[in-house]
Amino acid sequence: MYDFGIWFYYFGIWLASFFNKKAELWVNGRKDVFSRIKLQVTDNQSIIWFHCASLGEFEQGRPLIEKIKKTLPDHKILLTFFSPSGYEIRKNYEQADYIFYLPLDTKKNAKKFLEIVQPKMAFFVKYEFWFNYLHQLNQRKTPTYLISSIFRKDQIFFKPYGSFFKRMLFFFDHIFVQNEKSKTILLENGISHLSVAGDTRVDRVLEIQENKKSFDKINTFKGTAEILIGGSTWPPDEDVLIEWIHAQKDFRWKFIIAPHDISENHLVEIEKKLKVNAVRFSKANTFNSAAAKVMIIDNIGMLSSLYQYGKIALIGGGFGSGIHNTLEPIAFGLPVIFGKKYQKFEEAVNLVETGGGFSISNYAEFKSVMENLEKENFCNNASTNAEKYILENQGATKEIFDFVFLNVD
């Protein structure tokens, strides 16, 4: 039934590829993938395989990849992605020696892939569980690790009908979880080959903070104003933020909107909604930047460094399937606001509990939170609480590296 489900999923993506660009990339990226792997990957190389679902998981695996490359330069890194949103953005990532889409998880493909690549070890990041690949790695006795993982009681592994999926957890040689709750759940289900290491993304955002880029256009835009940043926003987030923008009667605040979707249609849609002076980053200059109330970021890659200019951040996605990255803004000490879909994110849960983050479900709640954050003492306390999470949760990369490689020649 699992194999049937895999093929059924592929068929669904194939049908969608005729009218959906992302699905088209997903299908086309896997055409002749084995020919490309054979052409690039030569024999007798010490390959370490990292697999990530998408861009977010890549950012979790990235600190460990780069530590391995720095510490063990004779090893080759092979990086695979499931989703186009990871592969298409990071297909030229310089720290990986080989980058491919993951071939469909069939028994035949898994065997073929591993016979060509022959990895010395494999790392799966956070939520990636592919039965045939994990089973074949286990059969070949290839050390296999799951990093930065989070487990919840309602996941399929722990359902009465989830024994097939739970079996996959035993294919890992070791599971590195982010928190004690995950550890407890696994131990209660007879899974003891684990340890709490934390989230490797914390190390990544600290690195970004230390090596942040500066932008003259943003400095000019900011002037003496305080900046509220909308990061990776979707239309519901933007609607809340834009209503707040229109309600401002003084010059205390300026706003940066970095939408998740930077297509021309969506950028035009944002511009039409705004009734104040706005400028796109790509069209900004000394004159229109200083005069603008809103800066719209129309590229990918800037956001993580932009938070250095902010006072508060509204993080997108919480009105949909789940919030985007809250670690990047809190690394710069920004209190964060987000929608109600945050429960699957360990850091967001902690931030709400400690007062470094605030969950909202509508504009009225956003307005109430902002009125509190405009009070300097309240905002400073929230900033301290946000930054505290980062400072207390760093070091996962070193812990995982030492556990895996400390006794490796």
Foldseek 3Di string as FASTA:
>chain_A
DVVVVLVVVLVVLVVCLVPDVFSVCLVVQQVCQLVVLLVQQDPDAAEEEEEEAAQVQCLQCVVLLVVCCVPPVSHAYEYEYQGCNHCVVCVVPPSHSHYGHQHRQDLVSLVSVCVRRVHQAYEYEADDFRPNNLVVCLVVVRAYEYEAYADDCPDLLNDPPNVVRVVSLVSHQEYEYADPVRQVVCVVVVHNRYDHLHTSSLVVLLVCVVVFDDDPLVCLLCPPAAEEEEAQADVQLLVLVQVVLVPDDDRRYAYEYEHVDLDPVVVVVSVVSHPFQEDEPVPTDNPSSNRGRYYYYNDPDRVLRVLLRHLAYEFHDQQHQETDDPSSNLCNLHQYEYEDRHVVPPLQVQLCVQQLYYYDHHNVRVVVVVVQCVPPVSSNSSSVSSNVVSVVRPDSSVVVCCVVPVPPD
